Amino acid sequence: MRYVAFLLLLLLTAYFLILKPYLIHRGVSYGIGGVSLTLSPLTLRVGEVHLLLPGDRRVFFLNLRNLTFRLTDRPEISVGEGFL
């Protein structure tokens, strides 16, 4: 359990020291809403995810709704609606 805590601390440190300043500098916007976790069967549901990536000549926008990650015998990912 101690190693899991160290790994989580390392990931959070990398996020706030490396990734977050880069995202702020580039103007990347993202949002996650409606997150729920079910333990039997192991399922993670996300109501909506959006990601805005500004580029030099283009702006990419990704929007996903009703995103589900389910872990049974085989991992399964399903998306209710999405566009790029």
PDB file of N, CA and C in Angstrom:
ATOM      1  N   MET A   1       0.827  -1.195   0.000  1.00  0.00           N
ATOM      2  CA  MET A   1       0.000   0.000   0.000  1.00  0.00           C
ATOM      3  C   MET A   1       0.873   1.261   0.000  1.00  0.00           C
ATOM      4  N   ARG A   2       2.017   1.145   0.643  1.00  0.00           N
ATOM      5  CA  ARG A   2       2.922   2.286   0.698  1.00  0.00           C
ATOM      6  C   ARG A   2       3.402   2.669  -0.703  1.00  0.00           C
ATOM      7  N   TYR A   3       3.641   1.655  -1.556  1.00  0.00           N
ATOM      8  CA  TYR A   3       4.110   1.935  -2.911  1.00  0.00           C
ATOM      9  C   TYR A   3       3.034   2.621  -3.748  1.00  0.00           C
ATOM     10  N   VAL A   4       1.795   2.280  -3.510  1.00  0.00           N
ATOM     11  CA  VAL A   4       0.691   2.941  -4.209  1.00  0.00           C
ATOM     12  C   VAL A   4       0.637   4.410  -3.817  1.00  0.00           C
ATOM     13  N   ALA A   5       0.830   4.696  -2.538  1.00  0.00           N
ATOM     14  CA  ALA A   5       0.836   6.087  -2.074  1.00  0.00           C
ATOM     15  C   ALA A   5       2.005   6.862  -2.680  1.00  0.00           C
ATOM     16  N   PHE A   6       3.178   6.234  -2.753  1.00  0.00           N
ATOM     17  CA  PHE A   6       4.329   6.897  -3.366  1.00  0.00           C
ATOM     18  C   PHE A   6       4.096   7.151  -4.852  1.00  0.00           C
ATOM     19  N   LEU A   7       3.491   6.194  -5.542  1.00  0.00           N
ATOM     20  CA  LEU A   7       3.194   6.371  -6.961  1.00  0.00           C
ATOM     21  C   LEU A   7       2.191   7.496  -7.176  1.00  0.00           C
ATOM     22  N   LEU A   8       1.161   7.544  -6.347  1.00  0.00           N
ATOM     23  CA  LEU A   8       0.175   8.617  -6.447  1.00  0.00           C
ATOM     24  C   LEU A   8       0.817   9.975  -6.173  1.00  0.00           C
ATOM     25  N   LEU A   9       1.676  10.047  -5.175  1.00  0.00           N
ATOM     26  CA  LEU A   9       2.380  11.294  -4.871  1.00  0.00           C
ATOM     27  C   LEU A   9       3.288  11.710  -6.024  1.00  0.00           C
ATOM     28  N   LEU A  10       3.961  10.761  -6.639  1.00  0.00           N
ATOM     29  CA  LEU A  10       4.822  11.054  -7.783  1.00  0.00           C
ATOM     30  C   LEU A  10       4.014  11.563  -8.974  1.00  0.00           C
ATOM     31  N   LEU A  11       2.869  10.938  -9.248  1.00  0.00           N
ATOM     32  CA  LEU A  11       2.017  11.385 -10.354  1.00  0.00           C
ATOM     33  C   LEU A  11       1.459  12.784 -10.113  1.00  0.00           C
ATOM     34  N   LEU A  12       1.025  13.067  -8.897  1.00  0.00           N
ATOM     35  CA  LEU A  12       0.516  14.408  -8.589  1.00  0.00           C
ATOM     36  C   LEU A  12       1.612  15.461  -8.695  1.00  0.00           C
ATOM     37  N   THR A  13       2.815  15.124  -8.239  1.00  0.00           N
ATOM     38  CA  THR A  13       3.936  16.059  -8.345  1.00  0.00           C
ATOM     39  C   THR A  13       4.261  16.351  -9.806  1.00  0.00           C
ATOM     40  N   ALA A  14       4.307  15.317 -10.631  1.00  0.00           N
ATOM     41  CA  ALA A  14       4.579  15.520 -12.059  1.00  0.00           C
ATOM     42  C   ALA A  14       3.484  16.351 -12.707  1.00  0.00           C
ATOM     43  N   TYR A  15       2.232  16.129 -12.310  1.00  0.00           N
ATOM     44  CA  TYR A  15       1.125  16.889 -12.885  1.00  0.00           C
ATOM     45  C   TYR A  15       1.259  18.375 -12.566  1.00  0.00           C
ATOM     46  N   PHE A  16       1.493  18.703 -11.296  1.00  0.00           N
ATOM     47  CA  PHE A  16       1.511  20.111 -10.909  1.00  0.00           C
ATOM     48  C   PHE A  16       2.811  20.826 -11.269  1.00  0.00           C
ATOM     49  N   LEU A  17       3.918  20.116 -11.406  1.00  0.00           N
ATOM     50  CA  LEU A  17       5.179  20.772 -11.740  1.00  0.00           C
ATOM     51  C   LEU A  17       5.474  20.814 -13.238  1.00  0.00           C
ATOM     52  N   ILE A  18       4.964  19.845 -13.989  1.00  0.00           N
ATOM     53  CA  ILE A  18       5.290  19.770 -15.419  1.00  0.00           C
ATOM     54  C   ILE A  18       4.070  20.012 -16.301  1.00  0.00           C
ATOM     55  N   LEU A  19       3.031  19.226 -16.108  1.00  0.00           N
ATOM     56  CA  LEU A  19       1.900  19.258 -17.027  1.00  0.00           C
ATOM     57  C   LEU A  19       1.017  20.489 -16.856  1.00  0.00           C
ATOM     58  N   LYS A  20       0.679  20.859 -15.652  1.00  0.00           N
ATOM     59  CA  LYS A  20      -0.229  21.989 -15.411  1.00  0.00           C
ATOM     60  C   LYS A  20       0.340  23.321 -15.931  1.00  0.00           C
ATOM     61  N   PRO A  21       1.616  23.658 -15.672  1.00  0.00           N
ATOM     62  CA  PRO A  21       2.145  24.905 -16.265  1.00  0.00           C
ATOM     63  C   PRO A  21       2.135  24.900 -17.791  1.00  0.00           C
ATOM     64  N   TYR A  22       2.391  23.743 -18.406  1.00  0.00           N
ATOM     65  CA  TYR A  22       2.345  23.652 -19.863  1.00  0.00           C
ATOM     66  C   TYR A  22       0.928  23.900 -20.375  1.00  0.00           C
ATOM     67  N   LEU A  23      -0.062  23.300 -19.721  1.00  0.00           N
ATOM     68  CA  LEU A  23      -1.448  23.483 -20.141  1.00  0.00           C
ATOM     69  C   LEU A  23      -1.883  24.939 -20.012  1.00  0.00           C
ATOM     70  N   ILE A  24      -1.470  25.592 -18.954  1.00  0.00           N
ATOM     71  CA  ILE A  24      -1.813  27.007 -18.767  1.00  0.00           C
ATOM     72  C   ILE A  24      -1.126  27.862 -19.829  1.00  0.00           C
ATOM     73  N   HIS A  25       0.135  27.587 -20.112  1.00  0.00           N
ATOM     74  CA  HIS A  25       0.892  28.360 -21.102  1.00  0.00           C
ATOM     75  C   HIS A  25       0.300  28.223 -22.507  1.00  0.00           C
ATOM     76  N   ARG A  26      -0.099  27.018 -22.890  1.00  0.00           N
ATOM     77  CA  ARG A  26      -0.633  26.787 -24.227  1.00  0.00           C
ATOM     78  C   ARG A  26      -2.104  27.155 -24.359  1.00  0.00           C
ATOM     79  N   GLY A  27      -2.796  27.414 -23.270  1.00  0.00           N
ATOM     80  CA  GLY A  27      -4.205  27.776 -23.327  1.00  0.00           C
ATOM     81  C   GLY A  27      -5.135  26.591 -23.504  1.00  0.00           C
ATOM     82  N   VAL A  28      -4.697  25.422 -23.068  1.00  0.00           N
ATOM     83  CA  VAL A  28      -5.513  24.213 -23.181  1.00  0.00           C
ATOM     84  C   VAL A  28      -6.592  24.248 -22.109  1.00  0.00           C
ATOM     85  N   SER A  29      -7.808  23.966 -22.517  1.00  0.00           N
ATOM     86  CA  SER A  29      -8.934  23.944 -21.590  1.00  0.00           C
ATOM     87  C   SER A  29      -9.552  22.551 -21.598  1.00  0.00           C
ATOM     88  N   TYR A  30      -9.917  22.074 -20.417  1.00  0.00           N
ATOM     89  CA  TYR A  30     -10.560  20.768 -20.331  1.00  0.00           C
ATOM     90  C   TYR A  30     -11.531  20.765 -19.161  1.00  0.00           C
ATOM     91  N   GLY A  31     -12.451  19.841 -19.202  1.00  0.00           N
ATOM     92  CA  GLY A  31     -13.418  19.708 -18.117  1.00  0.00           C
ATOM     93  C   GLY A  31     -13.973  18.300 -18.062  1.00  0.00           C
ATOM     94  N   ILE A  32     -14.256  17.861 -16.845  1.00  0.00           N
ATOM     95  CA  ILE A  32     -14.825  16.539 -16.611  1.00  0.00           C
ATOM     96  C   ILE A  32     -15.996  16.720 -15.671  1.00  0.00           C
ATOM     97  N   GLY A  33     -17.140  16.139 -16.007  1.00  0.00           N
ATOM     98  CA  GLY A  33     -18.309  16.282 -15.151  1.00  0.00           C
ATOM     99  C   GLY A  33     -19.084  14.989 -15.007  1.00  0.00           C
ATOM    100  N   GLY A  34     -19.712  14.816 -13.868  1.00  0.00           N
ATOM    101  CA  GLY A  34     -20.571  13.661 -13.629  1.00  0.00           C
ATOM    102  C   GLY A  34     -19.831  12.356 -13.494  1.00  0.00           C
ATOM    103  N   VAL A  35     -18.815  12.296 -12.631  1.00  0.00           N
ATOM    104  CA  VAL A  35     -18.013  11.092 -12.457  1.00  0.00           C
ATOM    105  C   VAL A  35     -18.641  10.200 -11.394  1.00  0.00           C
ATOM    106  N   SER A  36     -18.776   8.901 -11.701  1.00  0.00           N
ATOM    107  CA  SER A  36     -19.263   7.935 -10.715  1.00  0.00           C
ATOM    108  C   SER A  36     -18.479   6.638 -10.846  1.00  0.00           C
ATOM    109  N   LEU A  37     -18.258   5.969  -9.716  1.00  0.00           N
ATOM    110  CA  LEU A  37     -17.495   4.727  -9.657  1.00  0.00           C
ATOM    111  C   LEU A  37     -18.347   3.660  -8.997  1.00  0.00           C
ATOM    112  N   THR A  38     -18.474   2.512  -9.651  1.00  0.00           N
ATOM    113  CA  THR A  38     -19.191   1.364  -9.110  1.00  0.00           C
ATOM    114  C   THR A  38     -18.188   0.231  -8.938  1.00  0.00           C
ATOM    115  N   LEU A  39     -18.230  -0.440  -7.787  1.00  0.00           N
ATOM    116  CA  LEU A  39     -17.234  -1.465  -7.510  1.00  0.00           C
ATOM    117  C   LEU A  39     -17.630  -2.862  -7.967  1.00  0.00           C
ATOM    118  N   SER A  40     -18.910  -3.137  -8.144  1.00  0.00           N
ATOM    119  CA  SER A  40     -19.308  -4.479  -8.548  1.00  0.00           C
ATOM    120  C   SER A  40     -20.286  -4.408  -9.711  1.00  0.00           C
ATOM    121  N   PRO A  41     -19.933  -4.686 -10.939  1.00  0.00           N
ATOM    122  CA  PRO A  41     -18.592  -4.860 -11.482  1.00  0.00           C
ATOM    123  C   PRO A  41     -17.873  -3.517 -11.542  1.00  0.00           C
ATOM    124  N   LEU A  42     -16.570  -3.558 -11.612  1.00  0.00           N
ATOM    125  CA  LEU A  42     -15.762  -2.338 -11.584  1.00  0.00           C
ATOM    126  C   LEU A  42     -16.074  -1.486 -12.816  1.00  0.00           C
ATOM    127  N   THR A  43     -16.742  -0.342 -12.577  1.00  0.00           N
ATOM    128  CA  THR A  43     -17.189   0.530 -13.662  1.00  0.00           C
ATOM    129  C   THR A  43     -16.929   1.982 -13.293  1.00  0.00           C
ATOM    130  N   LEU A  44     -16.369   2.725 -14.221  1.00  0.00           N
ATOM    131  CA  LEU A  44     -16.174   4.166 -14.062  1.00  0.00           C
ATOM    132  C   LEU A  44     -16.991   4.849 -15.144  1.00  0.00           C
ATOM    133  N   ARG A  45     -17.919   5.722 -14.736  1.00  0.00           N
ATOM    134  CA  ARG A  45     -18.763   6.459 -15.688  1.00  0.00           C
ATOM    135  C   ARG A  45     -18.454   7.946 -15.570  1.00  0.00           C
ATOM    136  N   VAL A  46     -18.340   8.574 -16.726  1.00  0.00           N
ATOM    137  CA  VAL A  46     -18.103  10.013 -16.791  1.00  0.00           C
ATOM    138  C   VAL A  46     -19.216  10.603 -17.642  1.00  0.00           C
ATOM    139  N   GLY A  47     -19.931  11.587 -17.095  1.00  0.00           N
ATOM    140  CA  GLY A  47     -21.049  12.186 -17.812  1.00  0.00           C
ATOM    141  C   GLY A  47     -20.621  12.962 -19.041  1.00  0.00           C
ATOM    142  N   GLU A  48     -19.598  13.810 -18.895  1.00  0.00           N
ATOM    143  CA  GLU A  48     -19.151  14.622 -20.028  1.00  0.00           C
ATOM    144  C   GLU A  48     -17.677  14.964 -19.867  1.00  0.00           C
ATOM    145  N   VAL A  49     -16.951  14.909 -20.976  1.00  0.00           N
ATOM    146  CA  VAL A  49     -15.540  15.287 -21.030  1.00  0.00           C
ATOM    147  C   VAL A  49     -15.376  16.221 -22.217  1.00  0.00           C
ATOM    148  N   HIS A  50     -14.753  17.376 -21.994  1.00  0.00           N
ATOM    149  CA  HIS A  50     -14.426  18.226 -23.141  1.00  0.00           C
ATOM    150  C   HIS A  50     -12.968  18.658 -23.050  1.00  0.00           C
ATOM    151  N   LEU A  51     -12.352  18.815 -24.214  1.00  0.00           N
ATOM    152  CA  LEU A  51     -10.946  19.169 -24.325  1.00  0.00           C
ATOM    153  C   LEU A  51     -10.799  20.150 -25.479  1.00  0.00           C
ATOM    154  N   LEU A  52     -10.189  21.300 -25.217  1.00  0.00           N
ATOM    155  CA  LEU A  52      -9.959  22.337 -26.223  1.00  0.00           C
ATOM    156  C   LEU A  52      -8.455  22.500 -26.398  1.00  0.00           C
ATOM    157  N   LEU A  53      -7.955  22.206 -27.600  1.00  0.00           N
ATOM    158  CA  LEU A  53      -6.527  22.290 -27.905  1.00  0.00           C
ATOM    159  C   LEU A  53      -6.285  23.355 -28.965  1.00  0.00           C
ATOM    160  N   PRO A  54      -5.819  24.539 -28.584  1.00  0.00           N
ATOM    161  CA  PRO A  54      -5.512  25.555 -29.595  1.00  0.00           C
ATOM    162  C   PRO A  54      -4.183  25.235 -30.274  1.00  0.00           C
ATOM    163  N   GLY A  55      -4.155  25.381 -31.582  1.00  0.00           N
ATOM    164  CA  GLY A  55      -2.938  25.156 -32.348  1.00  0.00           C
ATOM    165  C   GLY A  55      -2.511  26.430 -33.046  1.00  0.00           C
ATOM    166  N   ASP A  56      -1.554  26.312 -33.956  1.00  0.00           N
ATOM    167  CA  ASP A  56      -1.085  27.480 -34.691  1.00  0.00           C
ATOM    168  C   ASP A  56      -2.135  27.971 -35.684  1.00  0.00           C
ATOM    169  N   ARG A  57      -2.728  27.049 -36.434  1.00  0.00           N
ATOM    170  CA  ARG A  57      -3.709  27.432 -37.446  1.00  0.00           C
ATOM    171  C   ARG A  57      -5.100  26.892 -37.165  1.00  0.00           C
ATOM    172  N   ARG A  58      -5.207  25.897 -36.299  1.00  0.00           N
ATOM    173  CA  ARG A  58      -6.494  25.260 -36.030  1.00  0.00           C
ATOM    174  C   ARG A  58      -6.741  25.174 -34.533  1.00  0.00           C
ATOM    175  N   VAL A  59      -7.991  24.972 -34.209  1.00  0.00           N
ATOM    176  CA  VAL A  59      -8.390  24.712 -32.828  1.00  0.00           C
ATOM    177  C   VAL A  59      -9.144  23.388 -32.828  1.00  0.00           C
ATOM    178  N   PHE A  60      -8.681  22.447 -32.019  1.00  0.00           N
ATOM    179  CA  PHE A  60      -9.332  21.149 -31.915  1.00  0.00           C
ATOM    180  C   PHE A  60     -10.189  21.120 -30.664  1.00  0.00           C
ATOM    181  N   PHE A  61     -11.412  20.643 -30.812  1.00  0.00           N
ATOM    182  CA  PHE A  61     -12.334  20.513 -29.688  1.00  0.00           C
ATOM    183  C   PHE A  61     -12.858  19.088 -29.668  1.00  0.00           C
ATOM    184  N   LEU A  62     -12.705  18.414 -28.548  1.00  0.00           N
ATOM    185  CA  LEU A  62     -13.187  17.046 -28.378  1.00  0.00           C
ATOM    186  C   LEU A  62     -14.223  17.043 -27.267  1.00  0.00           C
ATOM    187  N   ASN A  63     -15.398  16.508 -27.563  1.00  0.00           N
ATOM    188  CA  ASN A  63     -16.478  16.445 -26.582  1.00  0.00           C
ATOM    189  C   ASN A  63     -17.021  15.023 -26.557  1.00  0.00           C
ATOM    190  N   LEU A  64     -17.001  14.395 -25.385  1.00  0.00           N
ATOM    191  CA  LEU A  64     -17.518  13.041 -25.217  1.00  0.00           C
ATOM    192  C   LEU A  64     -18.578  13.056 -24.133  1.00  0.00           C
ATOM    193  N   ARG A  65     -19.671  12.331 -24.378  1.00  0.00           N
ATOM    194  CA  ARG A  65     -20.738  12.219 -23.380  1.00  0.00           C
ATOM    195  C   ARG A  65     -20.991  10.753 -23.086  1.00  0.00           C
ATOM    196  N   ASN A  66     -21.383  10.488 -21.853  1.00  0.00           N
ATOM    197  CA  ASN A  66     -21.707   9.130 -21.389  1.00  0.00           C
ATOM    198  C   ASN A  66     -20.560   8.159 -21.654  1.00  0.00           C
ATOM    199  N   LEU A  67     -19.383   8.505 -21.187  1.00  0.00           N
ATOM    200  CA  LEU A  67     -18.191   7.682 -21.338  1.00  0.00           C
ATOM    201  C   LEU A  67     -18.175   6.648 -20.217  1.00  0.00           C
ATOM    202  N   THR A  68     -18.001   5.363 -20.567  1.00  0.00           N
ATOM    203  CA  THR A  68     -18.031   4.284 -19.586  1.00  0.00           C
ATOM    204  C   THR A  68     -16.820   3.379 -19.766  1.00  0.00           C
ATOM    205  N   PHE A  69     -16.093   3.143 -18.673  1.00  0.00           N
ATOM    206  CA  PHE A  69     -15.007   2.169 -18.628  1.00  0.00           C
ATOM    207  C   PHE A  69     -15.480   1.027 -17.739  1.00  0.00           C
ATOM    208  N   ARG A  70     -15.579  -0.178 -18.286  1.00  0.00           N
ATOM    209  CA  ARG A  70     -16.071  -1.327 -17.523  1.00  0.00           C
ATOM    210  C   ARG A  70     -15.014  -2.426 -17.551  1.00  0.00           C
ATOM    211  N   LEU A  71     -14.697  -2.981 -16.389  1.00  0.00           N
ATOM    212  CA  LEU A  71     -13.707  -4.045 -16.280  1.00  0.00           C
ATOM    213  C   LEU A  71     -14.403  -5.314 -15.809  1.00  0.00           C
ATOM    214  N   THR A  72     -14.633  -6.236 -16.730  1.00  0.00           N
ATOM    215  CA  THR A  72     -15.196  -7.548 -16.400  1.00  0.00           C
ATOM    216  C   THR A  72     -14.154  -8.579 -16.824  1.00  0.00           C
ATOM    217  N   ASP A  73     -14.519  -9.561 -17.608  1.00  0.00           N
ATOM    218  CA  ASP A  73     -13.532 -10.518 -18.119  1.00  0.00           C
ATOM    219  C   ASP A  73     -12.561  -9.840 -19.081  1.00  0.00           C
ATOM    220  N   ARG A  74     -13.112  -8.946 -19.907  1.00  0.00           N
ATOM    221  CA  ARG A  74     -12.294  -8.157 -20.827  1.00  0.00           C
ATOM    222  C   ARG A  74     -12.605  -6.690 -20.592  1.00  0.00           C
ATOM    223  N   PRO A  75     -11.601  -5.817 -20.634  1.00  0.00           N
ATOM    224  CA  PRO A  75     -11.876  -4.382 -20.483  1.00  0.00           C
ATOM    225  C   PRO A  75     -12.763  -3.878 -21.621  1.00  0.00           C
ATOM    226  N   GLU A  76     -13.676  -2.991 -21.295  1.00  0.00           N
ATOM    227  CA  GLU A  76     -14.636  -2.477 -22.273  1.00  0.00           C
ATOM    228  C   GLU A  76     -14.766  -0.967 -22.094  1.00  0.00           C
ATOM    229  N   ILE A  77     -14.748  -0.243 -23.208  1.00  0.00           N
ATOM    230  CA  ILE A  77     -14.933   1.208 -23.201  1.00  0.00           C
ATOM    231  C   ILE A  77     -16.076   1.527 -24.152  1.00  0.00           C
ATOM    232  N   SER A  78     -17.032   2.323 -23.691  1.00  0.00           N
ATOM    233  CA  SER A  78     -18.126   2.729 -24.572  1.00  0.00           C
ATOM    234  C   SER A  78     -18.360   4.229 -24.433  1.00  0.00           C
ATOM    235  N   VAL A  79     -18.746   4.846 -25.547  1.00  0.00           N
ATOM    236  CA  VAL A  79     -19.028   6.278 -25.592  1.00  0.00           C
ATOM    237  C   VAL A  79     -20.433   6.450 -26.133  1.00  0.00           C
ATOM    238  N   GLY A  80     -21.272   7.183 -25.399  1.00  0.00           N
ATOM    239  CA  GLY A  80     -22.638   7.422 -25.849  1.00  0.00           C
ATOM    240  C   GLY A  80     -22.687   8.346 -27.050  1.00  0.00           C
ATOM    241  N   GLU A  81     -21.951   9.452 -26.988  1.00  0.00           N
ATOM    242  CA  GLU A  81     -21.961  10.442 -28.062  1.00  0.00           C
ATOM    243  C   GLU A  81     -20.643  11.193 -28.005  1.00  0.00           C
ATOM    244  N   GLY A  82     -20.100  11.539 -29.153  1.00  0.00           N
ATOM    245  CA  GLY A  82     -18.859  12.291 -29.167  1.00  0.00           C
ATOM    246  C   GLY A  82     -18.612  12.905 -30.525  1.00  0.00           C
ATOM    247  N   PHE A  83     -17.858  13.991 -30.541  1.00  0.00           N
ATOM    248  CA  PHE A  83     -17.467  14.606 -31.803  1.00  0.00           C
ATOM    249  C   PHE A  83     -16.136  15.299 -31.624  1.00  0.00           C
ATOM    250  N   LEU A  84     -15.447  15.484 -32.749  1.00  0.00           N
ATOM    251  CA  LEU A  84     -14.141  16.130 -32.775  1.00  0.00           C
ATOM    252  C   LEU A  84     -14.224  17.346 -33.655  1.00  0.00           C
TER     253      LEU A  84
END
